[in-house]
Amino acid sequence: MSQNEFQVSRRGVIAGGTIGVAATALPAEAAVPPIQERDAPPTMPVTLKVNGSTHRVDLDTRTTLLDALREHWKLTGTKKGCDHGQCGACTVLVDGRRINSCLSLAVMHDGDEITTIEGLGKPDDLHPMQAAFVTHVGYHCGYCTPGQVCSAVAVLDETKRGVPSHVQADITGKPQVTAAELRERMSGNICRCGAYSNIIEAMSDVAGAQA
């Protein structure tokens, strides 16, 4: 028998081995059932007041608030960035407080009031923070902007509720938030384009108008 009769290509060996494993790995009775025969995921009725309108929907209990807003309420202004709570692009307001909606299950917010970027203002009636972002060009690509704006609105509200000792106050007693304080409070919102100074200028502008 010649040597050429024993020459087998690498591809032939791999293909043959794969076929053999596939043929013996699962017996016929262990085949995966068709999708339509599998149990449906558990759902729960959830009622949310989103941007002033109350909605009730049955949701998979594993659905995040972010996915519920985007897929069921079609509010795609709230962005899915890292989906791990590290970038802040998904920031929304829940009962006036900012959260990363990608880290929170929708069923946890039954009865809560949710405000997204669409609920802050309209193109012909912008929220002061939205208008300030436009004036100071607090965006570049714009992907993080909805989360930045929602977070910025919440930051100024936070300073009204409780002013830390290192935040200065003017002679009227109203808090005068420093740029360093604003940067610290906004540190959870990442702008990959680097528009941080513009964002702080927009926030300072609104803070000054509110003082």
N, C-alpha and C. Protein backbone atom coordinates (compact mmCIF):
# COMPACT_ATOMS: atom_id res chain seq x y z
N MET A 1 0.88 -1.20 0.00
CA MET A 1 0.00 0.00 0.00
C MET A 1 0.90 1.23 0.00
N SER A 2 0.67 2.13 -0.90
CA SER A 2 1.53 3.30 -1.06
C SER A 2 1.26 4.32 0.04
N GLN A 3 2.23 5.21 0.24
CA GLN A 3 2.11 6.24 1.27
C GLN A 3 0.98 7.21 0.95
N ASN A 4 0.72 7.45 -0.35
CA ASN A 4 -0.30 8.42 -0.74
C ASN A 4 -1.70 8.01 -0.28
N GLU A 5 -1.90 6.68 -0.08
CA GLU A 5 -3.22 6.21 0.32
C GLU A 5 -3.54 6.63 1.75
N PHE A 6 -2.51 7.00 2.54
CA PHE A 6 -2.73 7.39 3.93
C PHE A 6 -2.76 8.90 4.13
N GLN A 7 -2.64 9.69 3.08
CA GLN A 7 -2.64 11.14 3.20
C GLN A 7 -4.07 11.67 3.29
N VAL A 8 -4.37 12.34 4.40
CA VAL A 8 -5.68 12.93 4.62
C VAL A 8 -5.49 14.40 4.97
N SER A 9 -6.31 15.24 4.37
CA SER A 9 -6.17 16.68 4.65
C SER A 9 -6.64 17.00 6.07
N ARG A 10 -6.14 18.13 6.61
CA ARG A 10 -6.58 18.59 7.94
C ARG A 10 -8.08 18.86 7.96
N ARG A 11 -8.59 19.46 6.89
CA ARG A 11 -10.03 19.75 6.82
C ARG A 11 -10.85 18.46 6.85
N GLY A 12 -10.35 17.42 6.17
CA GLY A 12 -11.07 16.17 6.17
C GLY A 12 -11.13 15.53 7.54
N VAL A 13 -10.03 15.63 8.30
CA VAL A 13 -10.00 15.06 9.65
C VAL A 13 -10.98 15.79 10.55
N ILE A 14 -10.96 17.16 10.49
CA ILE A 14 -11.86 17.95 11.34
C ILE A 14 -13.31 17.69 10.99
N ALA A 15 -13.61 17.68 9.68
CA ALA A 15 -14.99 17.46 9.25
C ALA A 15 -15.47 16.08 9.67
N GLY A 16 -14.62 15.08 9.51
CA GLY A 16 -15.00 13.73 9.89
C GLY A 16 -15.23 13.60 11.38
N GLY A 17 -14.34 14.26 12.19
CA GLY A 17 -14.50 14.21 13.63
C GLY A 17 -15.76 14.91 14.09
N THR A 18 -16.06 16.06 13.45
CA THR A 18 -17.26 16.82 13.83
C THR A 18 -18.52 16.03 13.54
N ILE A 19 -18.55 15.37 12.39
CA ILE A 19 -19.71 14.57 12.02
C ILE A 19 -19.89 13.42 13.00
N GLY A 20 -18.77 12.81 13.37
CA GLY A 20 -18.86 11.69 14.30
C GLY A 20 -19.38 12.12 15.65
N VAL A 21 -18.90 13.26 16.17
CA VAL A 21 -19.35 13.76 17.47
C VAL A 21 -20.82 14.12 17.40
N ALA A 22 -21.21 14.81 16.32
CA ALA A 22 -22.62 15.22 16.18
C ALA A 22 -23.54 14.02 16.11
N ALA A 23 -23.05 12.96 15.50
CA ALA A 23 -23.90 11.78 15.33
C ALA A 23 -24.08 11.00 16.63
N THR A 24 -23.08 11.12 17.54
CA THR A 24 -23.14 10.31 18.75
C THR A 24 -23.45 11.11 20.01
N ALA A 25 -23.42 12.47 19.92
CA ALA A 25 -23.57 13.29 21.12
C ALA A 25 -24.95 13.18 21.71
N LEU A 26 -26.00 13.23 20.88
CA LEU A 26 -27.37 13.22 21.37
C LEU A 26 -28.14 12.04 20.78
N PRO A 27 -28.70 11.20 21.63
CA PRO A 27 -29.57 10.14 21.10
C PRO A 27 -30.85 10.76 20.58
N ALA A 28 -31.57 10.01 19.78
CA ALA A 28 -32.78 10.53 19.14
C ALA A 28 -33.79 11.01 20.17
N GLU A 29 -33.93 10.29 21.31
CA GLU A 29 -34.95 10.67 22.29
C GLU A 29 -34.59 11.92 23.06
N ALA A 30 -33.32 12.39 22.96
CA ALA A 30 -32.89 13.58 23.70
C ALA A 30 -32.92 14.83 22.84
N ALA A 31 -33.56 14.77 21.72
CA ALA A 31 -33.60 15.92 20.82
C ALA A 31 -34.30 17.09 21.49
N VAL A 32 -33.84 18.33 21.17
CA VAL A 32 -34.43 19.54 21.74
C VAL A 32 -35.84 19.71 21.21
N PRO A 33 -36.82 19.96 22.08
CA PRO A 33 -38.20 20.10 21.61
C PRO A 33 -38.37 21.36 20.77
N PRO A 34 -39.34 21.35 19.86
CA PRO A 34 -39.60 22.55 19.06
C PRO A 34 -39.93 23.73 19.96
N ILE A 35 -39.66 24.94 19.46
CA ILE A 35 -39.86 26.15 20.26
C ILE A 35 -41.29 26.25 20.74
N GLN A 36 -42.26 25.91 19.88
CA GLN A 36 -43.67 26.08 20.26
C GLN A 36 -44.08 25.16 21.40
N GLU A 37 -43.29 24.10 21.69
CA GLU A 37 -43.63 23.18 22.76
C GLU A 37 -42.97 23.55 24.08
N ARG A 38 -42.08 24.53 24.10
CA ARG A 38 -41.41 24.91 25.32
C ARG A 38 -42.32 25.79 26.16
N ASP A 39 -42.08 25.80 27.47
CA ASP A 39 -42.88 26.60 28.37
C ASP A 39 -42.64 28.08 28.10
N ALA A 40 -43.69 28.87 28.10
CA ALA A 40 -43.56 30.32 27.92
C ALA A 40 -42.94 30.94 29.16
N PRO A 41 -42.13 31.99 29.00
CA PRO A 41 -41.52 32.63 30.17
C PRO A 41 -42.59 33.26 31.05
N PRO A 42 -42.35 33.33 32.35
CA PRO A 42 -43.35 33.92 33.25
C PRO A 42 -43.51 35.41 32.99
N THR A 43 -44.74 35.88 33.06
CA THR A 43 -45.01 37.30 32.85
C THR A 43 -45.79 37.85 34.05
N MET A 44 -45.74 39.17 34.17
CA MET A 44 -46.48 39.85 35.23
C MET A 44 -47.09 41.12 34.66
N PRO A 45 -48.29 41.50 35.11
CA PRO A 45 -48.84 42.78 34.69
C PRO A 45 -48.12 43.92 35.40
N VAL A 46 -47.71 44.92 34.65
CA VAL A 46 -46.99 46.07 35.20
C VAL A 46 -47.68 47.34 34.75
N THR A 47 -47.92 48.23 35.69
CA THR A 47 -48.52 49.53 35.38
C THR A 47 -47.50 50.63 35.65
N LEU A 48 -47.17 51.39 34.64
CA LEU A 48 -46.23 52.49 34.77
C LEU A 48 -46.86 53.77 34.25
N LYS A 49 -46.54 54.87 34.90
CA LYS A 49 -46.94 56.17 34.40
C LYS A 49 -45.72 56.75 33.68
N VAL A 50 -45.73 56.67 32.36
CA VAL A 50 -44.58 57.07 31.56
C VAL A 50 -44.86 58.39 30.87
N ASN A 51 -44.07 59.40 31.23
CA ASN A 51 -44.21 60.73 30.64
C ASN A 51 -45.64 61.25 30.73
N GLY A 52 -46.27 60.98 31.87
CA GLY A 52 -47.60 61.51 32.13
C GLY A 52 -48.75 60.63 31.70
N SER A 53 -48.48 59.55 30.98
CA SER A 53 -49.54 58.65 30.53
C SER A 53 -49.39 57.30 31.22
N THR A 54 -50.49 56.77 31.73
CA THR A 54 -50.45 55.49 32.44
C THR A 54 -50.65 54.34 31.46
N HIS A 55 -49.80 53.34 31.57
CA HIS A 55 -49.86 52.17 30.69
C HIS A 55 -49.79 50.90 31.53
N ARG A 56 -50.52 49.89 31.09
CA ARG A 56 -50.48 48.57 31.73
C ARG A 56 -50.12 47.54 30.66
N VAL A 57 -49.16 46.71 30.96
CA VAL A 57 -48.71 45.72 29.98
C VAL A 57 -48.19 44.49 30.72
N ASP A 58 -48.36 43.33 30.11
CA ASP A 58 -47.80 42.09 30.65
C ASP A 58 -46.37 41.94 30.15
N LEU A 59 -45.45 41.83 31.08
CA LEU A 59 -44.04 41.76 30.71
C LEU A 59 -43.38 40.50 31.25
N ASP A 60 -42.44 39.98 30.48
CA ASP A 60 -41.55 38.94 30.97
C ASP A 60 -40.87 39.50 32.22
N THR A 61 -40.85 38.73 33.29
CA THR A 61 -40.31 39.23 34.55
C THR A 61 -38.82 39.55 34.46
N ARG A 62 -38.16 39.11 33.40
CA ARG A 62 -36.73 39.39 33.23
C ARG A 62 -36.47 40.65 32.43
N THR A 63 -37.52 41.32 31.98
CA THR A 63 -37.37 42.50 31.13
C THR A 63 -36.88 43.69 31.94
N THR A 64 -35.82 44.33 31.48
CA THR A 64 -35.32 45.52 32.16
C THR A 64 -36.23 46.71 31.86
N LEU A 65 -36.16 47.72 32.70
CA LEU A 65 -36.93 48.93 32.45
C LEU A 65 -36.51 49.55 31.12
N LEU A 66 -35.24 49.51 30.80
CA LEU A 66 -34.74 50.04 29.54
C LEU A 66 -35.41 49.36 28.35
N ASP A 67 -35.42 48.03 28.35
CA ASP A 67 -36.01 47.30 27.23
C ASP A 67 -37.52 47.51 27.17
N ALA A 68 -38.16 47.63 28.32
CA ALA A 68 -39.61 47.87 28.33
C ALA A 68 -39.92 49.22 27.69
N LEU A 69 -39.14 50.23 28.03
CA LEU A 69 -39.38 51.56 27.47
C LEU A 69 -39.13 51.58 25.96
N ARG A 70 -38.09 50.91 25.53
CA ARG A 70 -37.73 50.94 24.12
C ARG A 70 -38.62 50.03 23.28
N GLU A 71 -38.91 48.84 23.77
CA GLU A 71 -39.60 47.85 22.94
C GLU A 71 -41.12 47.88 23.09
N HIS A 72 -41.60 48.19 24.29
CA HIS A 72 -43.05 48.17 24.52
C HIS A 72 -43.68 49.56 24.46
N TRP A 73 -42.93 50.56 24.91
CA TRP A 73 -43.44 51.93 24.83
C TRP A 73 -42.88 52.68 23.63
N LYS A 74 -41.93 52.08 22.91
CA LYS A 74 -41.33 52.66 21.70
C LYS A 74 -40.67 54.00 21.98
N LEU A 75 -40.14 54.18 23.19
CA LEU A 75 -39.43 55.40 23.57
C LEU A 75 -37.94 55.14 23.38
N THR A 76 -37.49 55.30 22.16
CA THR A 76 -36.12 54.94 21.81
C THR A 76 -35.12 56.07 22.06
N GLY A 77 -35.60 57.17 22.63
CA GLY A 77 -34.66 58.23 23.00
C GLY A 77 -33.70 57.76 24.07
N THR A 78 -34.18 56.91 24.97
CA THR A 78 -33.32 56.32 26.00
C THR A 78 -32.45 55.26 25.34
N LYS A 79 -31.14 55.42 25.45
CA LYS A 79 -30.22 54.58 24.68
C LYS A 79 -29.67 53.40 25.48
N LYS A 80 -29.43 52.32 24.75
CA LYS A 80 -28.73 51.17 25.33
C LYS A 80 -27.28 51.29 24.93
N GLY A 81 -26.45 51.64 25.89
CA GLY A 81 -25.02 51.80 25.61
C GLY A 81 -24.26 50.56 25.97
N CYS A 82 -23.77 50.50 27.22
CA CYS A 82 -22.99 49.34 27.66
C CYS A 82 -23.88 48.20 28.14
N ASP A 83 -25.11 48.51 28.57
CA ASP A 83 -26.05 47.53 29.12
C ASP A 83 -25.51 46.90 30.40
N HIS A 84 -24.56 47.58 31.05
CA HIS A 84 -23.99 47.08 32.31
C HIS A 84 -23.96 48.17 33.39
N GLY A 85 -24.66 49.28 33.17
CA GLY A 85 -24.70 50.34 34.17
C GLY A 85 -23.42 51.14 34.31
N GLN A 86 -22.59 51.15 33.27
CA GLN A 86 -21.30 51.82 33.37
C GLN A 86 -21.20 53.12 32.59
N CYS A 87 -22.15 53.37 31.66
CA CYS A 87 -21.99 54.55 30.79
C CYS A 87 -23.04 55.63 31.03
N GLY A 88 -24.19 55.28 31.57
CA GLY A 88 -25.22 56.28 31.87
C GLY A 88 -26.09 56.68 30.71
N ALA A 89 -25.91 56.08 29.53
CA ALA A 89 -26.71 56.46 28.36
C ALA A 89 -28.19 56.14 28.56
N CYS A 90 -28.49 55.20 29.46
CA CYS A 90 -29.87 54.76 29.67
C CYS A 90 -30.55 55.48 30.84
N THR A 91 -29.96 56.55 31.34
CA THR A 91 -30.50 57.23 32.52
C THR A 91 -31.90 57.77 32.27
N VAL A 92 -32.81 57.46 33.18
CA VAL A 92 -34.17 58.01 33.19
C VAL A 92 -34.48 58.45 34.60
N LEU A 93 -35.59 59.16 34.76
CA LEU A 93 -36.00 59.61 36.09
C LEU A 93 -37.16 58.75 36.57
N VAL A 94 -37.04 58.20 37.76
CA VAL A 94 -38.09 57.41 38.39
C VAL A 94 -38.52 58.14 39.65
N ASP A 95 -39.75 58.62 39.63
CA ASP A 95 -40.24 59.44 40.74
C ASP A 95 -39.27 60.58 41.04
N GLY A 96 -38.71 61.15 39.97
CA GLY A 96 -37.83 62.30 40.10
C GLY A 96 -36.37 62.00 40.36
N ARG A 97 -36.03 60.75 40.55
CA ARG A 97 -34.64 60.38 40.83
C ARG A 97 -34.05 59.60 39.65
N ARG A 98 -32.80 59.86 39.37
CA ARG A 98 -32.17 59.24 38.20
C ARG A 98 -31.71 57.82 38.51
N ILE A 99 -31.89 56.94 37.56
CA ILE A 99 -31.41 55.56 37.69
C ILE A 99 -30.88 55.11 36.33
N ASN A 100 -30.06 54.07 36.35
CA ASN A 100 -29.65 53.39 35.13
C ASN A 100 -30.73 52.36 34.81
N SER A 101 -31.51 52.62 33.79
CA SER A 101 -32.66 51.74 33.51
C SER A 101 -32.24 50.37 33.01
N CYS A 102 -30.99 50.20 32.58
CA CYS A 102 -30.54 48.88 32.13
C CYS A 102 -30.29 47.94 33.29
N LEU A 103 -30.19 48.46 34.51
CA LEU A 103 -29.89 47.63 35.68
C LEU A 103 -31.12 47.35 36.52
N SER A 104 -32.28 47.84 36.10
CA SER A 104 -33.48 47.73 36.90
C SER A 104 -34.57 46.99 36.13
N LEU A 105 -35.20 46.02 36.78
CA LEU A 105 -36.27 45.27 36.13
C LEU A 105 -37.54 46.11 36.11
N ALA A 106 -38.28 46.01 35.02
CA ALA A 106 -39.50 46.80 34.87
C ALA A 106 -40.52 46.46 35.96
N VAL A 107 -40.59 45.18 36.36
CA VAL A 107 -41.58 44.78 37.36
C VAL A 107 -41.31 45.40 38.73
N MET A 108 -40.11 45.91 38.93
CA MET A 108 -39.77 46.56 40.19
C MET A 108 -40.38 47.95 40.30
N HIS A 109 -40.90 48.46 39.17
CA HIS A 109 -41.38 49.85 39.14
C HIS A 109 -42.88 49.95 38.91
N ASP A 110 -43.58 48.89 39.27
CA ASP A 110 -45.04 48.92 39.14
C ASP A 110 -45.60 50.10 39.94
N GLY A 111 -46.34 50.96 39.26
CA GLY A 111 -46.93 52.13 39.90
C GLY A 111 -46.04 53.35 39.94
N ASP A 112 -44.80 53.23 39.52
CA ASP A 112 -43.88 54.37 39.55
C ASP A 112 -44.12 55.32 38.39
N GLU A 113 -43.64 56.54 38.56
CA GLU A 113 -43.73 57.55 37.50
C GLU A 113 -42.37 57.67 36.82
N ILE A 114 -42.35 57.39 35.54
CA ILE A 114 -41.11 57.38 34.76
C ILE A 114 -41.08 58.59 33.83
N THR A 115 -39.94 59.28 33.80
CA THR A 115 -39.76 60.38 32.85
C THR A 115 -38.54 60.08 32.00
N THR A 116 -38.73 60.03 30.70
CA THR A 116 -37.63 59.82 29.76
C THR A 116 -37.32 61.15 29.08
N ILE A 117 -36.34 61.13 28.21
CA ILE A 117 -35.96 62.36 27.51
C ILE A 117 -37.13 62.92 26.71
N GLU A 118 -38.00 62.03 26.21
CA GLU A 118 -39.17 62.49 25.44
C GLU A 118 -40.16 63.24 26.32
N GLY A 119 -40.15 62.93 27.63
CA GLY A 119 -41.10 63.56 28.54
C GLY A 119 -40.63 64.87 29.13
N LEU A 120 -39.34 65.19 28.95
CA LEU A 120 -38.83 66.45 29.50
C LEU A 120 -39.28 67.66 28.70
N GLY A 121 -39.32 67.52 27.40
CA GLY A 121 -39.70 68.64 26.55
C GLY A 121 -39.96 68.19 25.13
N LYS A 122 -40.52 69.08 24.34
CA LYS A 122 -40.81 68.81 22.93
C LYS A 122 -39.95 69.73 22.06
N PRO A 123 -39.80 69.39 20.79
CA PRO A 123 -38.98 70.23 19.91
C PRO A 123 -39.38 71.71 19.91
N ASP A 124 -40.68 71.97 20.05
CA ASP A 124 -41.13 73.37 20.06
C ASP A 124 -41.31 73.91 21.48
N ASP A 125 -40.98 73.11 22.49
CA ASP A 125 -41.10 73.54 23.87
C ASP A 125 -40.07 72.77 24.70
N LEU A 126 -38.80 73.12 24.52
CA LEU A 126 -37.72 72.40 25.16
C LEU A 126 -37.66 72.67 26.66
N HIS A 127 -37.24 71.66 27.40
CA HIS A 127 -36.90 71.83 28.81
C HIS A 127 -35.69 72.77 28.87
N PRO A 128 -35.57 73.60 29.91
CA PRO A 128 -34.42 74.51 30.01
C PRO A 128 -33.08 73.80 29.86
N MET A 129 -32.97 72.58 30.37
CA MET A 129 -31.70 71.86 30.25
C MET A 129 -31.45 71.45 28.80
N GLN A 130 -32.50 71.02 28.11
CA GLN A 130 -32.34 70.68 26.69
C GLN A 130 -31.91 71.91 25.89
N ALA A 131 -32.54 73.04 26.17
CA ALA A 131 -32.20 74.28 25.46
C ALA A 131 -30.76 74.69 25.75
N ALA A 132 -30.33 74.51 27.00
CA ALA A 132 -28.95 74.88 27.36
C ALA A 132 -27.94 73.97 26.67
N PHE A 133 -28.26 72.70 26.53
CA PHE A 133 -27.36 71.79 25.81
C PHE A 133 -27.21 72.23 24.36
N VAL A 134 -28.30 72.72 23.77
CA VAL A 134 -28.22 73.21 22.39
C VAL A 134 -27.37 74.47 22.33
N THR A 135 -27.62 75.40 23.25
CA THR A 135 -26.89 76.68 23.27
C THR A 135 -25.40 76.48 23.46
N HIS A 136 -25.03 75.58 24.37
CA HIS A 136 -23.62 75.38 24.70
C HIS A 136 -23.00 74.20 23.96
N VAL A 137 -23.74 73.62 23.01
CA VAL A 137 -23.27 72.48 22.22
C VAL A 137 -22.75 71.39 23.16
N GLY A 138 -23.62 70.96 24.07
CA GLY A 138 -23.24 69.93 25.03
C GLY A 138 -23.36 68.52 24.48
N TYR A 139 -23.04 68.34 23.25
CA TYR A 139 -23.15 67.03 22.60
C TYR A 139 -22.26 67.03 21.36
N HIS A 140 -21.90 65.86 20.89
CA HIS A 140 -21.19 65.73 19.62
C HIS A 140 -21.94 64.70 18.78
N CYS A 141 -21.70 63.40 19.03
CA CYS A 141 -22.45 62.39 18.28
C CYS A 141 -23.90 62.33 18.76
N GLY A 142 -24.15 62.68 20.03
CA GLY A 142 -25.50 62.74 20.55
C GLY A 142 -26.01 61.46 21.18
N TYR A 143 -25.24 60.38 21.11
CA TYR A 143 -25.75 59.10 21.62
C TYR A 143 -25.95 59.14 23.13
N CYS A 144 -25.05 59.77 23.85
CA CYS A 144 -25.16 59.81 25.31
C CYS A 144 -26.04 60.96 25.79
N THR A 145 -26.43 61.85 24.89
CA THR A 145 -27.10 63.10 25.29
C THR A 145 -28.40 62.89 26.07
N PRO A 146 -29.30 61.98 25.67
CA PRO A 146 -30.52 61.79 26.47
C PRO A 146 -30.23 61.46 27.93
N GLY A 147 -29.29 60.56 28.15
CA GLY A 147 -28.92 60.21 29.52
C GLY A 147 -28.24 61.36 30.23
N GLN A 148 -27.41 62.10 29.51
CA GLN A 148 -26.73 63.26 30.10
C GLN A 148 -27.75 64.30 30.56
N VAL A 149 -28.74 64.59 29.71
CA VAL A 149 -29.74 65.61 30.03
C VAL A 149 -30.58 65.18 31.23
N CYS A 150 -31.05 63.93 31.22
CA CYS A 150 -31.86 63.45 32.34
C CYS A 150 -31.06 63.49 33.64
N SER A 151 -29.80 63.09 33.57
CA SER A 151 -28.97 63.11 34.76
C SER A 151 -28.71 64.54 35.23
N ALA A 152 -28.49 65.44 34.28
CA ALA A 152 -28.23 66.84 34.62
C ALA A 152 -29.43 67.47 35.32
N VAL A 153 -30.63 67.17 34.84
CA VAL A 153 -31.84 67.68 35.48
C VAL A 153 -31.93 67.18 36.91
N ALA A 154 -31.65 65.90 37.11
CA ALA A 154 -31.72 65.31 38.45
C ALA A 154 -30.66 65.88 39.37
N VAL A 155 -29.47 66.15 38.83
CA VAL A 155 -28.38 66.70 39.66
C VAL A 155 -28.80 68.03 40.27
N LEU A 156 -29.38 68.90 39.48
CA LEU A 156 -29.79 70.20 40.01
C LEU A 156 -30.92 70.05 41.02
N ASP A 157 -31.79 69.08 40.81
CA ASP A 157 -32.85 68.82 41.79
C ASP A 157 -32.26 68.28 43.09
N GLU A 158 -31.20 67.46 42.97
CA GLU A 158 -30.56 66.91 44.16
C GLU A 158 -29.95 68.02 45.03
N THR A 159 -29.38 69.03 44.38
CA THR A 159 -28.76 70.12 45.14
C THR A 159 -29.80 70.94 45.88
N LYS A 160 -31.04 70.94 45.38
CA LYS A 160 -32.10 71.66 46.08
C LYS A 160 -32.57 70.89 47.31
N ARG A 161 -32.61 69.54 47.18
CA ARG A 161 -33.13 68.72 48.29
C ARG A 161 -32.16 68.68 49.47
N GLY A 162 -30.88 68.64 49.17
CA GLY A 162 -29.90 68.57 50.26
C GLY A 162 -28.56 69.05 49.77
N VAL A 163 -28.09 70.17 50.29
CA VAL A 163 -26.84 70.77 49.82
C VAL A 163 -25.70 70.30 50.71
N PRO A 164 -24.72 69.58 50.14
CA PRO A 164 -23.59 69.14 50.95
C PRO A 164 -22.78 70.33 51.46
N SER A 165 -22.02 70.11 52.51
CA SER A 165 -21.33 71.20 53.18
C SER A 165 -20.32 71.91 52.29
N HIS A 166 -19.76 71.21 51.32
CA HIS A 166 -18.73 71.83 50.50
C HIS A 166 -19.30 72.60 49.30
N VAL A 167 -20.63 72.63 49.18
CA VAL A 167 -21.24 73.43 48.12
C VAL A 167 -21.51 74.83 48.68
N GLN A 168 -21.00 75.85 48.02
CA GLN A 168 -21.11 77.21 48.51
C GLN A 168 -22.53 77.74 48.34
N ALA A 169 -22.89 78.76 49.09
CA ALA A 169 -24.18 79.43 48.95
C ALA A 169 -23.94 80.93 48.88
N ASP A 170 -24.75 81.62 48.09
CA ASP A 170 -24.60 83.06 47.98
C ASP A 170 -25.33 83.75 49.13
N ILE A 171 -25.41 85.07 49.11
CA ILE A 171 -25.98 85.81 50.23
C ILE A 171 -27.47 85.56 50.40
N THR A 172 -28.13 85.01 49.38
CA THR A 172 -29.55 84.70 49.50
C THR A 172 -29.77 83.34 50.13
N GLY A 173 -28.71 82.59 50.33
CA GLY A 173 -28.84 81.27 50.91
C GLY A 173 -29.11 80.19 49.89
N LYS A 174 -29.20 80.52 48.61
CA LYS A 174 -29.45 79.52 47.57
C LYS A 174 -28.15 78.83 47.19
N PRO A 175 -28.18 77.56 46.93
CA PRO A 175 -26.94 76.83 46.64
C PRO A 175 -26.31 77.29 45.33
N GLN A 176 -25.03 77.48 45.38
CA GLN A 176 -24.25 77.82 44.19
C GLN A 176 -23.32 76.65 43.92
N VAL A 177 -23.72 75.77 43.05
CA VAL A 177 -22.97 74.55 42.81
C VAL A 177 -21.74 74.87 41.95
N THR A 178 -20.60 74.40 42.39
CA THR A 178 -19.37 74.65 41.66
C THR A 178 -19.24 73.68 40.50
N ALA A 179 -18.38 74.04 39.53
CA ALA A 179 -18.15 73.18 38.37
C ALA A 179 -17.58 71.83 38.82
N ALA A 180 -16.71 71.86 39.85
CA ALA A 180 -16.13 70.61 40.35
C ALA A 180 -17.22 69.71 40.92
N GLU A 181 -18.19 70.30 41.62
CA GLU A 181 -19.29 69.52 42.18
C GLU A 181 -20.13 68.91 41.07
N LEU A 182 -20.41 69.69 40.04
CA LEU A 182 -21.20 69.19 38.92
C LEU A 182 -20.48 68.03 38.23
N ARG A 183 -19.19 68.18 38.03
CA ARG A 183 -18.42 67.12 37.39
C ARG A 183 -18.47 65.84 38.21
N GLU A 184 -18.36 65.98 39.53
CA GLU A 184 -18.39 64.81 40.41
C GLU A 184 -19.74 64.12 40.32
N ARG A 185 -20.81 64.89 40.36
CA ARG A 185 -22.14 64.31 40.35
C ARG A 185 -22.51 63.72 38.98
N MET A 186 -21.87 64.20 37.93
CA MET A 186 -22.15 63.69 36.59
C MET A 186 -21.16 62.60 36.16
N SER A 187 -20.32 62.14 37.07
CA SER A 187 -19.25 61.23 36.70
C SER A 187 -19.76 59.87 36.21
N GLY A 188 -21.01 59.54 36.50
CA GLY A 188 -21.56 58.27 36.03
C GLY A 188 -22.05 58.31 34.60
N ASN A 189 -22.03 59.48 33.98
CA ASN A 189 -22.46 59.61 32.58
C ASN A 189 -21.24 59.87 31.71
N ILE A 190 -20.95 58.92 30.84
CA ILE A 190 -19.75 58.97 30.01
C ILE A 190 -20.07 59.58 28.65
N CYS A 191 -19.23 60.54 28.24
CA CYS A 191 -19.33 61.11 26.88
C CYS A 191 -18.06 60.72 26.14
N ARG A 192 -18.17 59.80 25.22
CA ARG A 192 -16.98 59.33 24.50
C ARG A 192 -16.43 60.38 23.56
N CYS A 193 -17.24 61.38 23.24
CA CYS A 193 -16.77 62.47 22.37
C CYS A 193 -16.02 63.54 23.17
N GLY A 194 -16.18 63.53 24.49
CA GLY A 194 -15.44 64.47 25.33
C GLY A 194 -16.05 65.85 25.44
N ALA A 195 -17.38 65.95 25.43
CA ALA A 195 -18.04 67.27 25.51
C ALA A 195 -18.29 67.69 26.95
N TYR A 196 -17.46 67.24 27.86
CA TYR A 196 -17.71 67.47 29.29
C TYR A 196 -17.77 68.95 29.65
N SER A 197 -16.84 69.74 29.15
CA SER A 197 -16.82 71.17 29.51
C SER A 197 -18.08 71.87 29.02
N ASN A 198 -18.57 71.49 27.85
CA ASN A 198 -19.80 72.08 27.31
C ASN A 198 -21.00 71.69 28.17
N ILE A 199 -21.01 70.44 28.63
CA ILE A 199 -22.11 69.97 29.47
C ILE A 199 -22.14 70.74 30.79
N ILE A 200 -20.97 70.95 31.38
CA ILE A 200 -20.91 71.69 32.63
C ILE A 200 -21.35 73.14 32.42
N GLU A 201 -20.99 73.72 31.30
CA GLU A 201 -21.42 75.09 30.99
C GLU A 201 -22.94 75.15 30.89
N ALA A 202 -23.54 74.15 30.24
CA ALA A 202 -25.01 74.11 30.11
C ALA A 202 -25.66 73.97 31.48
N MET A 203 -25.13 73.09 32.31
CA MET A 203 -25.70 72.90 33.64
C MET A 203 -25.54 74.15 34.50
N SER A 204 -24.39 74.80 34.42
CA SER A 204 -24.15 76.01 35.19
C SER A 204 -25.09 77.12 34.76
N ASP A 205 -25.37 77.18 33.46
CA ASP A 205 -26.29 78.17 32.93
C ASP A 205 -27.68 77.96 33.54
N VAL A 206 -28.16 76.72 33.54
CA VAL A 206 -29.49 76.44 34.08
C VAL A 206 -29.51 76.66 35.59
N ALA A 207 -28.44 76.25 36.27
CA ALA A 207 -28.37 76.44 37.72
C ALA A 207 -28.43 77.92 38.07
N GLY A 208 -27.76 78.75 37.28
CA GLY A 208 -27.78 80.19 37.53
C GLY A 208 -29.17 80.77 37.32
N ALA A 209 -29.90 80.24 36.33
CA ALA A 209 -31.25 80.74 36.06
C ALA A 209 -32.21 80.33 37.15
N GLN A 210 -31.93 79.18 37.78
CA GLN A 210 -32.82 78.69 38.84
C GLN A 210 -32.54 79.34 40.19
N ALA A 211 -31.35 79.91 40.35
CA ALA A 211 -30.95 80.47 41.65
C ALA A 211 -31.78 81.71 42.00
